[in-house]
Amino acid sequence: MAIIITDECINCGACEPECPNTAIYEGGEEWTWAGGTGLEEVEMEGGMVTDAQENQEPISDEFYYIVSAKCTECMGFHEEPQCAAVCPVDCCIPDPDYEETEEELLAKKEWLHIEV
């Protein structure tokens, strides 16, 4: 499953540079699929294709957030999610809305970083 940052976040920013997928953004900051990945375009649900460089709406305006579709729980990079490892207030927790198997997380890593 992906990791989520709860509203207990103190906006310290320790998590952001630790993410190997660039899936963590400061509150209010727009994000892109391309940031930290090898993606050039992304096929969305329903078949619509979007430019990976296109800015996406922030998920939170108040505190740091994780783009679940880019989160691999650091699988294939580290033994544990690095955001959770460095968070001083333990607000980086598993997101029950995005449960994924180890195989799914590794496949997502391969897709994000174009490892075919």
N, C-alpha and C. Protein backbone atom coordinates (compact mmCIF):
# COMPACT_ATOMS: atom_id res chain seq x y z
N MET A 1 0.84 -1.18 0.00
CA MET A 1 0.00 0.00 0.00
C MET A 1 0.88 1.24 0.00
N ALA A 2 0.36 2.31 -0.49
CA ALA A 2 1.10 3.56 -0.51
C ALA A 2 1.14 4.14 0.91
N ILE A 3 1.96 5.14 1.07
CA ILE A 3 2.05 5.85 2.35
C ILE A 3 1.26 7.14 2.23
N ILE A 4 0.67 7.58 3.32
CA ILE A 4 -0.06 8.84 3.38
C ILE A 4 0.53 9.67 4.51
N ILE A 5 0.50 10.98 4.35
CA ILE A 5 0.93 11.88 5.41
C ILE A 5 -0.33 12.41 6.09
N THR A 6 -0.43 12.20 7.38
CA THR A 6 -1.63 12.62 8.12
C THR A 6 -1.58 14.11 8.44
N ASP A 7 -2.69 14.60 8.95
CA ASP A 7 -2.78 16.02 9.29
C ASP A 7 -1.98 16.38 10.55
N GLU A 8 -1.27 15.40 11.10
CA GLU A 8 -0.36 15.67 12.22
C GLU A 8 0.98 16.21 11.74
N CYS A 9 1.15 16.30 10.41
CA CYS A 9 2.39 16.79 9.80
C CYS A 9 2.72 18.19 10.32
N ILE A 10 3.99 18.40 10.66
CA ILE A 10 4.44 19.71 11.16
C ILE A 10 5.17 20.50 10.06
N ASN A 11 5.09 20.01 8.82
CA ASN A 11 5.70 20.68 7.66
C ASN A 11 7.20 20.90 7.83
N CYS A 12 7.88 19.92 8.38
CA CYS A 12 9.33 20.06 8.57
C CYS A 12 10.10 19.83 7.27
N GLY A 13 9.50 19.06 6.34
CA GLY A 13 10.13 18.81 5.05
C GLY A 13 11.17 17.71 5.04
N ALA A 14 11.35 17.00 6.15
CA ALA A 14 12.37 15.95 6.20
C ALA A 14 12.09 14.82 5.21
N CYS A 15 10.85 14.55 4.93
CA CYS A 15 10.46 13.44 4.07
C CYS A 15 10.73 13.68 2.59
N GLU A 16 10.51 14.88 2.14
CA GLU A 16 10.53 15.17 0.70
C GLU A 16 11.81 14.73 -0.01
N PRO A 17 12.99 15.09 0.46
CA PRO A 17 14.20 14.68 -0.28
C PRO A 17 14.52 13.19 -0.18
N GLU A 18 13.85 12.47 0.70
CA GLU A 18 14.13 11.04 0.89
C GLU A 18 13.40 10.16 -0.12
N CYS A 19 12.40 10.69 -0.79
CA CYS A 19 11.57 9.88 -1.69
C CYS A 19 12.26 9.60 -3.02
N PRO A 20 12.52 8.33 -3.35
CA PRO A 20 13.19 8.00 -4.60
C PRO A 20 12.32 8.20 -5.84
N ASN A 21 11.02 8.40 -5.64
CA ASN A 21 10.10 8.58 -6.76
C ASN A 21 9.62 10.01 -6.91
N THR A 22 10.11 10.91 -6.06
CA THR A 22 9.62 12.29 -6.02
C THR A 22 8.09 12.29 -5.95
N ALA A 23 7.57 11.56 -4.99
CA ALA A 23 6.12 11.46 -4.80
C ALA A 23 5.64 12.37 -3.68
N ILE A 24 6.56 13.06 -3.01
CA ILE A 24 6.20 13.91 -1.86
C ILE A 24 6.37 15.37 -2.25
N TYR A 25 5.34 16.16 -1.94
CA TYR A 25 5.33 17.57 -2.30
C TYR A 25 4.87 18.42 -1.12
N GLU A 26 5.34 19.64 -1.08
CA GLU A 26 4.92 20.59 -0.05
C GLU A 26 3.47 20.99 -0.31
N GLY A 27 2.74 21.20 0.76
CA GLY A 27 1.34 21.61 0.64
C GLY A 27 1.18 22.81 -0.28
N GLY A 28 0.20 22.73 -1.20
CA GLY A 28 -0.07 23.80 -2.13
C GLY A 28 0.75 23.75 -3.40
N GLU A 29 1.80 22.91 -3.43
CA GLU A 29 2.67 22.81 -4.59
C GLU A 29 2.06 21.85 -5.61
N GLU A 30 2.03 22.27 -6.88
CA GLU A 30 1.58 21.38 -7.94
C GLU A 30 2.63 20.29 -8.15
N TRP A 31 2.23 19.16 -8.72
CA TRP A 31 3.12 18.05 -8.95
C TRP A 31 3.01 17.59 -10.40
N THR A 32 4.00 16.81 -10.84
CA THR A 32 3.97 16.23 -12.18
C THR A 32 4.30 14.75 -12.10
N TRP A 33 3.82 14.00 -13.08
CA TRP A 33 4.18 12.59 -13.18
C TRP A 33 5.66 12.45 -13.49
N ALA A 34 6.19 13.37 -14.30
CA ALA A 34 7.58 13.29 -14.75
C ALA A 34 8.59 13.53 -13.63
N GLY A 35 8.24 14.33 -12.65
CA GLY A 35 9.16 14.66 -11.57
C GLY A 35 9.74 13.43 -10.91
N GLY A 36 11.04 13.22 -11.06
CA GLY A 36 11.72 12.10 -10.43
C GLY A 36 11.50 10.75 -11.10
N THR A 37 10.85 10.75 -12.26
CA THR A 37 10.58 9.49 -12.96
C THR A 37 11.09 9.57 -14.40
N GLY A 38 10.92 8.50 -15.13
CA GLY A 38 11.28 8.49 -16.54
C GLY A 38 10.08 8.65 -17.44
N LEU A 39 8.92 8.98 -16.88
CA LEU A 39 7.69 9.07 -17.66
C LEU A 39 7.66 10.29 -18.57
N GLU A 40 7.16 10.08 -19.77
CA GLU A 40 6.96 11.18 -20.72
C GLU A 40 5.48 11.46 -20.91
N GLU A 41 4.66 10.42 -20.82
CA GLU A 41 3.21 10.58 -20.86
C GLU A 41 2.59 9.47 -20.03
N VAL A 42 1.35 9.72 -19.59
CA VAL A 42 0.67 8.78 -18.71
C VAL A 42 -0.74 8.55 -19.24
N GLU A 43 -1.11 7.28 -19.35
CA GLU A 43 -2.48 6.96 -19.75
C GLU A 43 -3.32 6.89 -18.48
N MET A 44 -4.31 7.75 -18.42
CA MET A 44 -5.17 7.84 -17.25
C MET A 44 -6.31 6.83 -17.37
N GLU A 45 -7.05 6.63 -16.29
CA GLU A 45 -8.23 5.78 -16.34
C GLU A 45 -9.17 6.36 -17.39
N GLY A 46 -9.76 5.50 -18.18
CA GLY A 46 -10.64 5.96 -19.25
C GLY A 46 -9.91 6.15 -20.56
N GLY A 47 -8.58 5.92 -20.55
CA GLY A 47 -7.82 5.96 -21.79
C GLY A 47 -7.24 7.31 -22.18
N MET A 48 -7.55 8.38 -21.44
CA MET A 48 -7.00 9.69 -21.77
C MET A 48 -5.48 9.70 -21.49
N VAL A 49 -4.70 10.23 -22.43
CA VAL A 49 -3.26 10.32 -22.27
C VAL A 49 -2.89 11.76 -21.92
N THR A 50 -2.04 11.92 -20.91
CA THR A 50 -1.61 13.25 -20.49
C THR A 50 -0.09 13.35 -20.54
N ASP A 51 0.39 14.53 -20.83
CA ASP A 51 1.82 14.81 -20.84
C ASP A 51 2.32 14.71 -19.39
N ALA A 52 3.37 13.94 -19.16
CA ALA A 52 3.89 13.74 -17.80
C ALA A 52 4.46 15.03 -17.20
N GLN A 53 4.77 16.01 -18.04
CA GLN A 53 5.28 17.31 -17.56
C GLN A 53 4.16 18.25 -17.11
N GLU A 54 2.92 17.91 -17.43
CA GLU A 54 1.78 18.78 -17.12
C GLU A 54 1.56 18.87 -15.61
N ASN A 55 1.41 20.07 -15.11
CA ASN A 55 1.18 20.27 -13.68
C ASN A 55 -0.16 19.70 -13.25
N GLN A 56 -0.16 19.05 -12.09
CA GLN A 56 -1.36 18.47 -11.49
C GLN A 56 -1.71 19.26 -10.24
N GLU A 57 -2.97 19.26 -9.90
CA GLU A 57 -3.44 19.99 -8.72
C GLU A 57 -2.86 19.41 -7.43
N PRO A 58 -2.52 20.26 -6.47
CA PRO A 58 -2.02 19.76 -5.17
C PRO A 58 -3.08 18.91 -4.48
N ILE A 59 -2.65 17.91 -3.76
CA ILE A 59 -3.56 17.06 -3.01
C ILE A 59 -3.90 17.70 -1.67
N SER A 60 -2.99 18.50 -1.14
CA SER A 60 -3.22 19.22 0.12
C SER A 60 -2.67 20.63 -0.01
N ASP A 61 -3.37 21.56 0.55
CA ASP A 61 -2.88 22.94 0.59
C ASP A 61 -2.27 23.27 1.95
N GLU A 62 -2.43 22.36 2.92
CA GLU A 62 -2.04 22.66 4.29
C GLU A 62 -0.71 22.05 4.72
N PHE A 63 -0.43 20.82 4.26
CA PHE A 63 0.78 20.14 4.71
C PHE A 63 1.32 19.27 3.59
N TYR A 64 2.53 18.75 3.79
CA TYR A 64 3.15 17.88 2.79
C TYR A 64 2.21 16.73 2.46
N TYR A 65 2.28 16.27 1.21
CA TYR A 65 1.42 15.17 0.79
C TYR A 65 2.19 14.22 -0.12
N ILE A 66 1.67 13.01 -0.25
CA ILE A 66 2.26 11.98 -1.10
C ILE A 66 1.28 11.65 -2.22
N VAL A 67 1.76 11.63 -3.45
CA VAL A 67 0.96 11.20 -4.58
C VAL A 67 0.97 9.67 -4.57
N SER A 68 -0.14 9.09 -4.18
CA SER A 68 -0.22 7.63 -4.01
C SER A 68 0.17 6.87 -5.26
N ALA A 69 -0.18 7.38 -6.42
CA ALA A 69 0.12 6.70 -7.68
C ALA A 69 1.61 6.68 -7.99
N LYS A 70 2.41 7.49 -7.29
CA LYS A 70 3.86 7.49 -7.48
C LYS A 70 4.60 6.82 -6.31
N CYS A 71 3.88 6.48 -5.25
CA CYS A 71 4.50 5.90 -4.06
C CYS A 71 4.66 4.39 -4.21
N THR A 72 5.88 3.92 -4.00
CA THR A 72 6.17 2.48 -4.04
C THR A 72 6.62 1.97 -2.67
N GLU A 73 6.40 2.76 -1.64
CA GLU A 73 6.88 2.44 -0.28
C GLU A 73 8.38 2.19 -0.29
N CYS A 74 9.08 2.80 -1.24
CA CYS A 74 10.53 2.67 -1.42
C CYS A 74 10.94 1.25 -1.81
N MET A 75 9.97 0.42 -2.21
CA MET A 75 10.24 -0.95 -2.63
C MET A 75 11.21 -0.94 -3.80
N GLY A 76 12.25 -1.75 -3.70
CA GLY A 76 13.26 -1.80 -4.75
C GLY A 76 14.38 -0.79 -4.56
N PHE A 77 14.21 0.11 -3.59
CA PHE A 77 15.23 1.11 -3.28
C PHE A 77 15.78 0.93 -1.87
N HIS A 78 14.87 0.76 -0.90
CA HIS A 78 15.22 0.68 0.52
C HIS A 78 14.42 -0.42 1.20
N GLU A 79 14.84 -0.78 2.39
CA GLU A 79 14.16 -1.82 3.17
C GLU A 79 12.83 -1.35 3.76
N GLU A 80 12.68 -0.03 3.93
CA GLU A 80 11.46 0.52 4.52
C GLU A 80 11.19 1.88 3.90
N PRO A 81 9.94 2.36 3.99
CA PRO A 81 9.63 3.69 3.46
C PRO A 81 10.47 4.76 4.17
N GLN A 82 11.24 5.49 3.40
CA GLN A 82 12.16 6.46 3.98
C GLN A 82 11.44 7.66 4.59
N CYS A 83 10.28 8.03 4.07
CA CYS A 83 9.54 9.15 4.66
C CYS A 83 9.17 8.82 6.10
N ALA A 84 8.69 7.59 6.32
CA ALA A 84 8.32 7.17 7.67
C ALA A 84 9.55 7.07 8.57
N ALA A 85 10.67 6.65 8.00
CA ALA A 85 11.89 6.48 8.79
C ALA A 85 12.43 7.81 9.32
N VAL A 86 12.25 8.89 8.55
CA VAL A 86 12.81 10.19 8.97
C VAL A 86 11.79 11.12 9.62
N CYS A 87 10.51 10.77 9.59
CA CYS A 87 9.47 11.66 10.12
C CYS A 87 9.58 11.79 11.64
N PRO A 88 9.75 13.01 12.15
CA PRO A 88 9.90 13.18 13.59
C PRO A 88 8.61 13.04 14.38
N VAL A 89 7.45 13.07 13.69
CA VAL A 89 6.18 12.96 14.41
C VAL A 89 5.36 11.74 13.98
N ASP A 90 5.99 10.83 13.25
CA ASP A 90 5.35 9.58 12.82
C ASP A 90 4.01 9.79 12.11
N CYS A 91 3.97 10.77 11.19
CA CYS A 91 2.72 11.02 10.47
C CYS A 91 2.70 10.39 9.08
N CYS A 92 3.75 9.66 8.72
CA CYS A 92 3.80 8.93 7.44
C CYS A 92 3.39 7.49 7.73
N ILE A 93 2.17 7.15 7.35
CA ILE A 93 1.61 5.84 7.69
C ILE A 93 1.07 5.16 6.44
N PRO A 94 0.86 3.83 6.48
CA PRO A 94 0.25 3.15 5.35
C PRO A 94 -1.14 3.70 5.06
N ASP A 95 -1.44 3.88 3.76
CA ASP A 95 -2.72 4.40 3.32
C ASP A 95 -3.66 3.23 3.04
N PRO A 96 -4.68 3.03 3.87
CA PRO A 96 -5.57 1.88 3.69
C PRO A 96 -6.38 1.94 2.39
N ASP A 97 -6.44 3.10 1.75
CA ASP A 97 -7.16 3.24 0.48
C ASP A 97 -6.34 2.78 -0.71
N TYR A 98 -5.04 2.52 -0.52
CA TYR A 98 -4.16 2.10 -1.61
C TYR A 98 -3.35 0.88 -1.20
N GLU A 99 -4.02 -0.25 -1.01
CA GLU A 99 -3.33 -1.48 -0.65
C GLU A 99 -2.77 -2.12 -1.91
N GLU A 100 -1.46 -2.40 -1.90
CA GLU A 100 -0.80 -3.02 -3.03
C GLU A 100 0.15 -4.10 -2.52
N THR A 101 0.29 -5.14 -3.32
CA THR A 101 1.22 -6.22 -2.97
C THR A 101 2.65 -5.78 -3.29
N GLU A 102 3.61 -6.55 -2.81
CA GLU A 102 5.01 -6.27 -3.12
C GLU A 102 5.24 -6.31 -4.63
N GLU A 103 4.61 -7.27 -5.30
CA GLU A 103 4.75 -7.39 -6.75
C GLU A 103 4.19 -6.15 -7.46
N GLU A 104 3.05 -5.65 -6.99
CA GLU A 104 2.44 -4.46 -7.59
C GLU A 104 3.32 -3.23 -7.37
N LEU A 105 3.90 -3.12 -6.18
CA LEU A 105 4.78 -1.99 -5.89
C LEU A 105 6.04 -2.03 -6.74
N LEU A 106 6.61 -3.21 -6.93
CA LEU A 106 7.80 -3.34 -7.78
C LEU A 106 7.46 -3.06 -9.24
N ALA A 107 6.28 -3.48 -9.69
CA ALA A 107 5.85 -3.19 -11.06
C ALA A 107 5.65 -1.69 -11.24
N LYS A 108 5.13 -1.02 -10.21
CA LYS A 108 4.96 0.44 -10.28
C LYS A 108 6.32 1.13 -10.37
N LYS A 109 7.28 0.64 -9.60
CA LYS A 109 8.64 1.19 -9.65
C LYS A 109 9.21 1.05 -11.05
N GLU A 110 9.06 -0.14 -11.64
CA GLU A 110 9.55 -0.36 -13.00
C GLU A 110 8.87 0.57 -14.00
N TRP A 111 7.57 0.78 -13.85
CA TRP A 111 6.82 1.67 -14.74
C TRP A 111 7.28 3.12 -14.58
N LEU A 112 7.41 3.57 -13.34
CA LEU A 112 7.82 4.96 -13.08
C LEU A 112 9.21 5.27 -13.63
N HIS A 113 10.09 4.30 -13.53
CA HIS A 113 11.49 4.53 -13.89
C HIS A 113 11.88 3.88 -15.22
N ILE A 114 10.87 3.44 -15.98
CA ILE A 114 11.05 2.85 -17.31
C ILE A 114 12.12 1.74 -17.28
N GLU A 115 11.90 0.76 -16.42
CA GLU A 115 12.82 -0.38 -16.27
C GLU A 115 12.19 -1.60 -16.91
N VAL A 116 12.35 -1.75 -18.18
CA VAL A 116 11.72 -2.87 -18.90
C VAL A 116 12.74 -3.91 -19.25
